[in-house]
């Protein structure tokens, strides 16, 4: 039996994670190990300064007082007692596109799996007002999961998929979009007049690119981006080597 770990950054109560788990039930045996509470925009954080508790919520549903990265590690060592066949993280309420993948707890869950050598997918859906329809995202994730298990990707590679609202037109293989981001930090004051700060949504201008993840979802397609943990700027190696060449001092 194929063993599948499902996690997220919205918490084990999220409707999205349960919709995902139901769809993946057609692919294998699903176990949910997710944060006890919401852990959005926490990135690839790992908890090192306080203990983690693992609570059994229901059959094959567990909650961890930690991050998505914590959840994957606790699941592997304490729940599965070994590596599952697949990790799927989501379904997130809101896209994780372009540069935003560096902040995303959803993507971090899949990234941690890739570092451990487990095939993985991160799944995100366009943020909307009112009730979410997770059916198309869940179906896309289950379909890609089944194909990945039959035809594995290269080692340490995982998929970041994002979906538009409603029925998608199809799939596009994409690259990360780039944007010009202006951070917005709002200063406010408490009743004693002391300042505090909220980091808010900044101004964003996405750079045009026909094959970007942003363009795909804007056009109504499922964006499928292969990602990897390697952050080496390979195109810059020669330039850095030139910087580090030892030269004789001028006399």
C-alpha atoms as a PDB file:
ATOM      1  CA  UNK A   1       0.000   0.000   0.000  1.00  0.00           C
ATOM      2  CA  UNK A   2       1.272   3.455  -0.932  1.00  0.00           C
ATOM      3  CA  UNK A   3       1.729   5.574   2.205  1.00  0.00           C
ATOM      4  CA  UNK A   4       1.003   9.293   1.835  1.00  0.00           C
ATOM      5  CA  UNK A   5       1.679  12.056   4.357  1.00  0.00           C
ATOM      6  CA  UNK A   6      -0.499  15.160   4.061  1.00  0.00           C
ATOM      7  CA  UNK A   7       0.438  18.372   5.848  1.00  0.00           C
ATOM      8  CA  UNK A   8      -0.181  22.129   5.489  1.00  0.00           C
ATOM      9  CA  UNK A   9       0.382  25.502   7.162  1.00  0.00           C
ATOM     10  CA  UNK A  10      -3.287  26.282   7.876  1.00  0.00           C
ATOM     11  CA  UNK A  11      -3.675  23.723  10.646  1.00  0.00           C
ATOM     12  CA  UNK A  12      -5.218  20.268  10.881  1.00  0.00           C
ATOM     13  CA  UNK A  13      -8.766  21.698  11.044  1.00  0.00           C
ATOM     14  CA  UNK A  14      -8.538  23.347   7.611  1.00  0.00           C
ATOM     15  CA  UNK A  15     -11.129  22.269   5.050  1.00  0.00           C
ATOM     16  CA  UNK A  16      -8.424  22.289   2.393  1.00  0.00           C
ATOM     17  CA  UNK A  17      -6.305  19.591   4.005  1.00  0.00           C
ATOM     18  CA  UNK A  18      -9.274  17.272   4.433  1.00  0.00           C
ATOM     19  CA  UNK A  19     -10.409  17.772   0.831  1.00  0.00           C
ATOM     20  CA  UNK A  20      -6.869  16.930  -0.246  1.00  0.00           C
ATOM     21  CA  UNK A  21      -6.724  13.854   1.974  1.00  0.00           C
ATOM     22  CA  UNK A  22     -10.010  12.527   0.583  1.00  0.00           C
ATOM     23  CA  UNK A  23      -8.814  12.883  -3.014  1.00  0.00           C
ATOM     24  CA  UNK A  24      -5.459  11.255  -2.255  1.00  0.00           C
ATOM     25  CA  UNK A  25      -7.301   8.353  -0.660  1.00  0.00           C
ATOM     26  CA  UNK A  26      -7.791   7.069  -4.206  1.00  0.00           C
ATOM     27  CA  UNK A  27      -4.000   6.891  -4.582  1.00  0.00           C
ATOM     28  CA  UNK A  28      -2.927   5.383  -1.263  1.00  0.00           C
ATOM     29  CA  UNK A  29      -3.321   5.309   2.512  1.00  0.00           C
ATOM     30  CA  UNK A  30      -3.350   8.881   3.779  1.00  0.00           C
ATOM     31  CA  UNK A  31      -2.171  10.164   7.152  1.00  0.00           C
ATOM     32  CA  UNK A  32      -2.554  13.835   8.141  1.00  0.00           C
ATOM     33  CA  UNK A  33       0.131  15.379  10.340  1.00  0.00           C
ATOM     34  CA  UNK A  34      -0.392  19.140  10.428  1.00  0.00           C
ATOM     35  CA  UNK A  35       0.146  22.127  12.736  1.00  0.00           C
ATOM     36  CA  UNK A  36      -2.133  22.507  15.719  1.00  0.00           C
ATOM     37  CA  UNK A  37      -2.782  26.134  14.724  1.00  0.00           C
ATOM     38  CA  UNK A  38      -2.199  28.244  11.632  1.00  0.00           C
ATOM     39  CA  UNK A  39       1.458  28.646  10.680  1.00  0.00           C
ATOM     40  CA  UNK A  40       1.192  30.665   7.459  1.00  0.00           C
ATOM     41  CA  UNK A  41       4.184  32.596   6.038  1.00  0.00           C
ATOM     42  CA  UNK A  42       6.517  30.824   8.443  1.00  0.00           C
ATOM     43  CA  UNK A  43       8.771  29.567   5.673  1.00  0.00           C
ATOM     44  CA  UNK A  44      11.110  26.653   6.304  1.00  0.00           C
ATOM     45  CA  UNK A  45      11.337  27.239  10.053  1.00  0.00           C
ATOM     46  CA  UNK A  46      12.350  24.358  12.322  1.00  0.00           C
ATOM     47  CA  UNK A  47      11.532  24.495  16.038  1.00  0.00           C
ATOM     48  CA  UNK A  48      14.654  24.030  18.170  1.00  0.00           C
ATOM     49  CA  UNK A  49      13.998  26.005  21.369  1.00  0.00           C
ATOM     50  CA  UNK A  50      10.963  24.296  22.860  1.00  0.00           C
ATOM     51  CA  UNK A  51       9.516  20.766  22.867  1.00  0.00           C
ATOM     52  CA  UNK A  52       6.921  19.609  20.356  1.00  0.00           C
ATOM     53  CA  UNK A  53       3.785  17.707  21.265  1.00  0.00           C
ATOM     54  CA  UNK A  54       2.091  15.219  18.954  1.00  0.00           C
ATOM     55  CA  UNK A  55      -1.660  14.795  19.536  1.00  0.00           C
ATOM     56  CA  UNK A  56      -3.731  12.001  17.990  1.00  0.00           C
ATOM     57  CA  UNK A  57      -6.925  13.719  16.826  1.00  0.00           C
ATOM     58  CA  UNK A  58      -8.600  10.864  14.947  1.00  0.00           C
ATOM     59  CA  UNK A  59      -7.683   7.794  12.927  1.00  0.00           C
ATOM     60  CA  UNK A  60      -4.741   8.867  10.741  1.00  0.00           C
ATOM     61  CA  UNK A  61      -5.040  12.505  11.862  1.00  0.00           C
ATOM     62  CA  UNK A  62      -2.365  14.053  14.092  1.00  0.00           C
ATOM     63  CA  UNK A  63      -1.561  17.598  15.207  1.00  0.00           C
ATOM     64  CA  UNK A  64       1.851  19.014  16.095  1.00  0.00           C
ATOM     65  CA  UNK A  65       2.466  22.213  18.047  1.00  0.00           C
ATOM     66  CA  UNK A  66       4.939  23.434  15.462  1.00  0.00           C
ATOM     67  CA  UNK A  67       5.660  24.361  11.864  1.00  0.00           C
ATOM     68  CA  UNK A  68       5.033  22.411   8.639  1.00  0.00           C
ATOM     69  CA  UNK A  69       8.735  21.470   8.629  1.00  0.00           C
ATOM     70  CA  UNK A  70       8.350  20.163  12.180  1.00  0.00           C
ATOM     71  CA  UNK A  71       5.292  18.176  11.114  1.00  0.00           C
ATOM     72  CA  UNK A  72       7.144  16.371   8.338  1.00  0.00           C
ATOM     73  CA  UNK A  73      10.023  15.420  10.633  1.00  0.00           C
ATOM     74  CA  UNK A  74       7.783  14.295  13.482  1.00  0.00           C
ATOM     75  CA  UNK A  75       5.606  12.327  11.060  1.00  0.00           C
ATOM     76  CA  UNK A  76       8.576  10.506   9.541  1.00  0.00           C
ATOM     77  CA  UNK A  77      10.188   9.604  12.869  1.00  0.00           C
ATOM     78  CA  UNK A  78       7.199   9.106  15.167  1.00  0.00           C
ATOM     79  CA  UNK A  79       4.162   8.268  13.036  1.00  0.00           C
ATOM     80  CA  UNK A  80       5.453   6.447   9.958  1.00  0.00           C
ATOM     81  CA  UNK A  81       8.651   5.211  11.615  1.00  0.00           C
ATOM     82  CA  UNK A  82      10.299   5.623   8.220  1.00  0.00           C
ATOM     83  CA  UNK A  83       9.840   7.480   4.963  1.00  0.00           C
ATOM     84  CA  UNK A  84       6.360   7.649   3.399  1.00  0.00           C
ATOM     85  CA  UNK A  85       6.067   7.199  -0.356  1.00  0.00           C
ATOM     86  CA  UNK A  86       4.788  10.726  -0.932  1.00  0.00           C
ATOM     87  CA  UNK A  87       4.234  14.023   0.891  1.00  0.00           C
ATOM     88  CA  UNK A  88       1.575  16.504  -0.240  1.00  0.00           C
ATOM     89  CA  UNK A  89       1.232  19.913   1.440  1.00  0.00           C
ATOM     90  CA  UNK A  90      -1.952  22.002   1.152  1.00  0.00           C
ATOM     91  CA  UNK A  91      -4.454  22.951  -0.020  1.00  0.00           C
ATOM     92  CA  UNK A  92      -3.426  26.497   0.840  1.00  0.00           C
ATOM     93  CA  UNK A  93      -5.973  29.322   0.761  1.00  0.00           C
ATOM     94  CA  UNK A  94      -4.045  31.682  -1.465  1.00  0.00           C
ATOM     95  CA  UNK A  95      -1.436  31.307  -4.184  1.00  0.00           C
ATOM     96  CA  UNK A  96       2.234  30.594  -3.501  1.00  0.00           C
ATOM     97  CA  UNK A  97       3.793  32.004  -6.649  1.00  0.00           C
ATOM     98  CA  UNK A  98       7.133  33.398  -7.716  1.00  0.00           C
ATOM     99  CA  UNK A  99       9.254  34.854  -4.939  1.00  0.00           C
ATOM    100  CA  UNK A 100       6.541  34.085  -2.363  1.00  0.00           C
ATOM    101  CA  UNK A 101       7.622  30.440  -2.205  1.00  0.00           C
ATOM    102  CA  UNK A 102      10.445  31.541   0.110  1.00  0.00           C
ATOM    103  CA  UNK A 103       7.902  32.659   2.732  1.00  0.00           C
ATOM    104  CA  UNK A 104       5.421  29.832   2.276  1.00  0.00           C
ATOM    105  CA  UNK A 105       4.874  27.234   4.978  1.00  0.00           C
ATOM    106  CA  UNK A 106       2.942  25.178   2.437  1.00  0.00           C
ATOM    107  CA  UNK A 107       5.923  25.008   0.091  1.00  0.00           C
ATOM    108  CA  UNK A 108       8.238  24.394   3.061  1.00  0.00           C
ATOM    109  CA  UNK A 109       6.408  21.164   3.892  1.00  0.00           C
ATOM    110  CA  UNK A 110       7.135  19.821   0.410  1.00  0.00           C
ATOM    111  CA  UNK A 111      10.672  21.212   0.472  1.00  0.00           C
ATOM    112  CA  UNK A 112      11.465  19.347   3.700  1.00  0.00           C
ATOM    113  CA  UNK A 113      10.187  16.140   2.141  1.00  0.00           C
ATOM    114  CA  UNK A 114      12.448  16.669  -0.882  1.00  0.00           C
ATOM    115  CA  UNK A 115      15.439  17.163   1.435  1.00  0.00           C
ATOM    116  CA  UNK A 116      14.591  13.816   3.041  1.00  0.00           C
ATOM    117  CA  UNK A 117      14.398  12.138  -0.358  1.00  0.00           C
ATOM    118  CA  UNK A 118      10.605  11.854  -0.515  1.00  0.00           C
ATOM    119  CA  UNK A 119       8.590  12.805  -3.640  1.00  0.00           C
ATOM    120  CA  UNK A 120       6.482  15.836  -2.761  1.00  0.00           C
ATOM    121  CA  UNK A 121       3.889  18.333  -3.986  1.00  0.00           C
ATOM    122  CA  UNK A 122       2.747  21.706  -2.615  1.00  0.00           C
ATOM    123  CA  UNK A 123      -0.800  22.763  -3.560  1.00  0.00           C
ATOM    124  CA  UNK A 124      -2.298  26.267  -3.398  1.00  0.00           C
ATOM    125  CA  UNK A 125      -5.584  27.780  -4.576  1.00  0.00           C
ATOM    126  CA  UNK A 126      -6.480  31.349  -5.404  1.00  0.00           C
ATOM    127  CA  UNK A 127      -7.700  33.299  -2.385  1.00  0.00           C
ATOM    128  CA  UNK A 128     -11.375  34.165  -2.621  1.00  0.00           C
ATOM    129  CA  UNK A 129     -14.136  35.646  -0.538  1.00  0.00           C
ATOM    130  CA  UNK A 130     -16.728  33.292   0.830  1.00  0.00           C
ATOM    131  CA  UNK A 131     -16.675  29.523   0.611  1.00  0.00           C
ATOM    132  CA  UNK A 132     -13.771  27.781  -1.116  1.00  0.00           C
ATOM    133  CA  UNK A 133     -14.220  25.068  -3.719  1.00  0.00           C
ATOM    134  CA  UNK A 134     -11.240  22.764  -3.216  1.00  0.00           C
ATOM    135  CA  UNK A 135     -12.461  20.046  -5.592  1.00  0.00           C
ATOM    136  CA  UNK A 136     -10.406  21.028  -8.656  1.00  0.00           C
ATOM    137  CA  UNK A 137      -7.220  21.550  -6.633  1.00  0.00           C
ATOM    138  CA  UNK A 138      -7.677  18.226  -4.839  1.00  0.00           C
ATOM    139  CA  UNK A 139      -8.270  16.414  -8.123  1.00  0.00           C
ATOM    140  CA  UNK A 140      -5.200  18.000  -9.747  1.00  0.00           C
ATOM    141  CA  UNK A 141      -3.013  17.084  -6.779  1.00  0.00           C
ATOM    142  CA  UNK A 142      -4.224  13.478  -6.727  1.00  0.00           C
ATOM    143  CA  UNK A 143      -3.756  13.126 -10.482  1.00  0.00           C
ATOM    144  CA  UNK A 144      -0.195  14.464 -10.381  1.00  0.00           C
ATOM    145  CA  UNK A 145       0.591  12.393  -7.296  1.00  0.00           C
ATOM    146  CA  UNK A 146      -0.455   9.201  -9.047  1.00  0.00           C
ATOM    147  CA  UNK A 147       1.668  10.066 -12.088  1.00  0.00           C
ATOM    148  CA  UNK A 148       4.690  11.004  -9.950  1.00  0.00           C
ATOM    149  CA  UNK A 149       4.588   7.672  -8.159  1.00  0.00           C
ATOM    150  CA  UNK A 150       4.567   5.872 -11.510  1.00  0.00           C
ATOM    151  CA  UNK A 151       7.238   8.080 -13.107  1.00  0.00           C
ATOM    152  CA  UNK A 152       9.395   9.619 -10.352  1.00  0.00           C
ATOM    153  CA  UNK A 153      11.031  13.014 -10.782  1.00  0.00           C
ATOM    154  CA  UNK A 154      14.798  13.498 -10.379  1.00  0.00           C
ATOM    155  CA  UNK A 155      16.007  13.317  -6.748  1.00  0.00           C
ATOM    156  CA  UNK A 156      15.419  16.381  -4.541  1.00  0.00           C
ATOM    157  CA  UNK A 157      12.847  17.781  -6.968  1.00  0.00           C
ATOM    158  CA  UNK A 158       9.289  18.618  -5.931  1.00  0.00           C
ATOM    159  CA  UNK A 159       6.261  20.247  -7.544  1.00  0.00           C
ATOM    160  CA  UNK A 160       4.654  23.547  -6.608  1.00  0.00           C
ATOM    161  CA  UNK A 161       1.165  23.680  -8.108  1.00  0.00           C
ATOM    162  CA  UNK A 162      -1.207  26.643  -8.038  1.00  0.00           C
ATOM    163  CA  UNK A 163      -4.772  26.775  -9.294  1.00  0.00           C
ATOM    164  CA  UNK A 164      -7.162  29.495 -10.402  1.00  0.00           C
ATOM    165  CA  UNK A 165     -10.672  29.766  -9.059  1.00  0.00           C
ATOM    166  CA  UNK A 166     -13.114  27.366 -10.710  1.00  0.00           C
ATOM    167  CA  UNK A 167     -12.543  24.814 -13.448  1.00  0.00           C
ATOM    168  CA  UNK A 168      -9.028  25.190 -14.903  1.00  0.00           C
ATOM    169  CA  UNK A 169      -8.430  25.068 -18.647  1.00  0.00           C
ATOM    170  CA  UNK A 170      -5.592  22.578 -18.279  1.00  0.00           C
ATOM    171  CA  UNK A 171      -2.012  22.378 -17.075  1.00  0.00           C
ATOM    172  CA  UNK A 172       1.055  24.502 -17.807  1.00  0.00           C
ATOM    173  CA  UNK A 173       4.617  23.699 -16.783  1.00  0.00           C
ATOM    174  CA  UNK A 174       5.974  26.983 -15.493  1.00  0.00           C
ATOM    175  CA  UNK A 175       8.881  28.886 -13.973  1.00  0.00           C
ATOM    176  CA  UNK A 176       8.800  31.174 -10.948  1.00  0.00           C
ATOM    177  CA  UNK A 177       7.572  34.661 -11.650  1.00  0.00           C
ATOM    178  CA  UNK A 178       9.566  37.702 -10.588  1.00  0.00           C
ATOM    179  CA  UNK A 179       8.124  40.892  -9.177  1.00  0.00           C
ATOM    180  CA  UNK A 180       9.097  44.312  -7.958  1.00  0.00           C
ATOM    181  CA  UNK A 181       8.097  44.244  -4.305  1.00  0.00           C
ATOM    182  CA  UNK A 182       7.729  47.277  -2.067  1.00  0.00           C
ATOM    183  CA  UNK A 183       7.366  46.299   1.598  1.00  0.00           C
ATOM    184  CA  UNK A 184       4.687  48.077   3.623  1.00  0.00           C
ATOM    185  CA  UNK A 185       5.142  48.319   7.402  1.00  0.00           C
ATOM    186  CA  UNK A 186       2.389  50.141   9.289  1.00  0.00           C
ATOM    187  CA  UNK A 187       3.193  51.859  12.601  1.00  0.00           C
ATOM    188  CA  UNK A 188       0.454  51.951  15.241  1.00  0.00           C
ATOM    189  CA  UNK A 189       0.330  52.731  18.937  1.00  0.00           C
ATOM    190  CA  UNK A 190      -0.985  50.845  21.936  1.00  0.00           C
ATOM    191  CA  UNK A 191      -3.101  52.519  24.674  1.00  0.00           C
ATOM    192  CA  UNK A 192       0.089  53.613  26.439  1.00  0.00           C
ATOM    193  CA  UNK A 193       1.387  55.329  23.321  1.00  0.00           C
ATOM    194  CA  UNK A 194       4.107  52.782  22.604  1.00  0.00           C
ATOM    195  CA  UNK A 195       4.627  51.995  18.906  1.00  0.00           C
ATOM    196  CA  UNK A 196       4.108  48.582  17.357  1.00  0.00           C
ATOM    197  CA  UNK A 197       4.214  47.450  13.745  1.00  0.00           C
ATOM    198  CA  UNK A 198       2.245  45.375  11.238  1.00  0.00           C
ATOM    199  CA  UNK A 199       3.902  44.049   8.082  1.00  0.00           C
ATOM    200  CA  UNK A 200       1.213  44.428   5.436  1.00  0.00           C
ATOM    201  CA  UNK A 201       0.759  43.463   1.817  1.00  0.00           C
ATOM    202  CA  UNK A 202       3.150  45.588  -0.211  1.00  0.00           C
ATOM    203  CA  UNK A 203       2.827  46.943  -3.706  1.00  0.00           C
ATOM    204  CA  UNK A 204       3.509  44.246  -6.273  1.00  0.00           C
ATOM    205  CA  UNK A 205       4.215  44.481  -9.960  1.00  0.00           C
ATOM    206  CA  UNK A 206       4.806  41.134 -11.621  1.00  0.00           C
ATOM    207  CA  UNK A 207       7.347  41.135 -14.439  1.00  0.00           C
ATOM    208  CA  UNK A 208       5.836  39.871 -17.716  1.00  0.00           C
ATOM    209  CA  UNK A 209       6.864  36.326 -18.636  1.00  0.00           C
ATOM    210  CA  UNK A 210       4.835  34.015 -20.870  1.00  0.00           C
ATOM    211  CA  UNK A 211       5.906  30.901 -18.988  1.00  0.00           C
ATOM    212  CA  UNK A 212       5.613  32.193 -15.426  1.00  0.00           C
ATOM    213  CA  UNK A 213       3.468  30.594 -12.729  1.00  0.00           C
ATOM    214  CA  UNK A 214       1.676  33.916 -12.239  1.00  0.00           C
ATOM    215  CA  UNK A 215       0.728  34.171 -15.910  1.00  0.00           C
ATOM    216  CA  UNK A 216      -0.540  30.591 -15.980  1.00  0.00           C
ATOM    217  CA  UNK A 217      -3.011  31.017 -13.123  1.00  0.00           C
ATOM    218  CA  UNK A 218      -4.090  34.422 -14.438  1.00  0.00           C
ATOM    219  CA  UNK A 219      -4.907  32.691 -17.732  1.00  0.00           C
ATOM    220  CA  UNK A 220      -6.955  30.057 -15.892  1.00  0.00           C
ATOM    221  CA  UNK A 221      -4.487  27.151 -15.962  1.00  0.00           C
ATOM    222  CA  UNK A 222      -2.995  24.921 -13.290  1.00  0.00           C
ATOM    223  CA  UNK A 223       0.586  26.099 -12.825  1.00  0.00           C
ATOM    224  CA  UNK A 224       3.038  23.237 -12.247  1.00  0.00           C
ATOM    225  CA  UNK A 225       6.526  24.417 -11.277  1.00  0.00           C
ATOM    226  CA  UNK A 226       9.361  21.983 -10.525  1.00  0.00           C
ATOM    227  CA  UNK A 227      11.430  23.295  -7.613  1.00  0.00           C
ATOM    228  CA  UNK A 228      14.600  22.137  -5.863  1.00  0.00           C
ATOM    229  CA  UNK A 229      16.424  22.970  -2.623  1.00  0.00           C
ATOM    230  CA  UNK A 230      19.648  23.929  -4.440  1.00  0.00           C
ATOM    231  CA  UNK A 231      19.907  27.741  -4.211  1.00  0.00           C
ATOM    232  CA  UNK A 232      23.320  27.921  -5.858  1.00  0.00           C
ATOM    233  CA  UNK A 233      23.480  30.675  -8.494  1.00  0.00           C
ATOM    234  CA  UNK A 234      25.169  28.483 -11.095  1.00  0.00           C
ATOM    235  CA  UNK A 235      25.227  31.263 -13.712  1.00  0.00           C
ATOM    236  CA  UNK A 236      27.272  33.383 -11.310  1.00  0.00           C
ATOM    237  CA  UNK A 237      30.003  30.837 -10.496  1.00  0.00           C
ATOM    238  CA  UNK A 238      32.423  32.160 -13.118  1.00  0.00           C
ATOM    239  CA  UNK A 239      31.919  35.757 -11.976  1.00  0.00           C
ATOM    240  CA  UNK A 240      32.536  34.793  -8.348  1.00  0.00           C
ATOM    241  CA  UNK A 241      35.623  32.813  -9.298  1.00  0.00           C
ATOM    242  CA  UNK A 242      36.955  35.963 -10.982  1.00  0.00           C
ATOM    243  CA  UNK A 243      36.361  37.892  -7.752  1.00  0.00           C
ATOM    244  CA  UNK A 244      38.320  35.400  -5.700  1.00  0.00           C
ATOM    245  CA  UNK A 245      41.384  35.055  -7.932  1.00  0.00           C
ATOM    246  CA  UNK A 246      44.479  36.050  -5.980  1.00  0.00           C
ATOM    247  CA  UNK A 247      46.491  38.706  -7.774  1.00  0.00           C
ATOM    248  CA  UNK A 248      49.928  40.032  -7.037  1.00  0.00           C
ATOM    249  CA  UNK A 249      49.721  43.356  -5.190  1.00  0.00           C
ATOM    250  CA  UNK A 250      50.704  46.453  -7.154  1.00  0.00           C
ATOM    251  CA  UNK A 251      54.189  47.687  -6.113  1.00  0.00           C
END
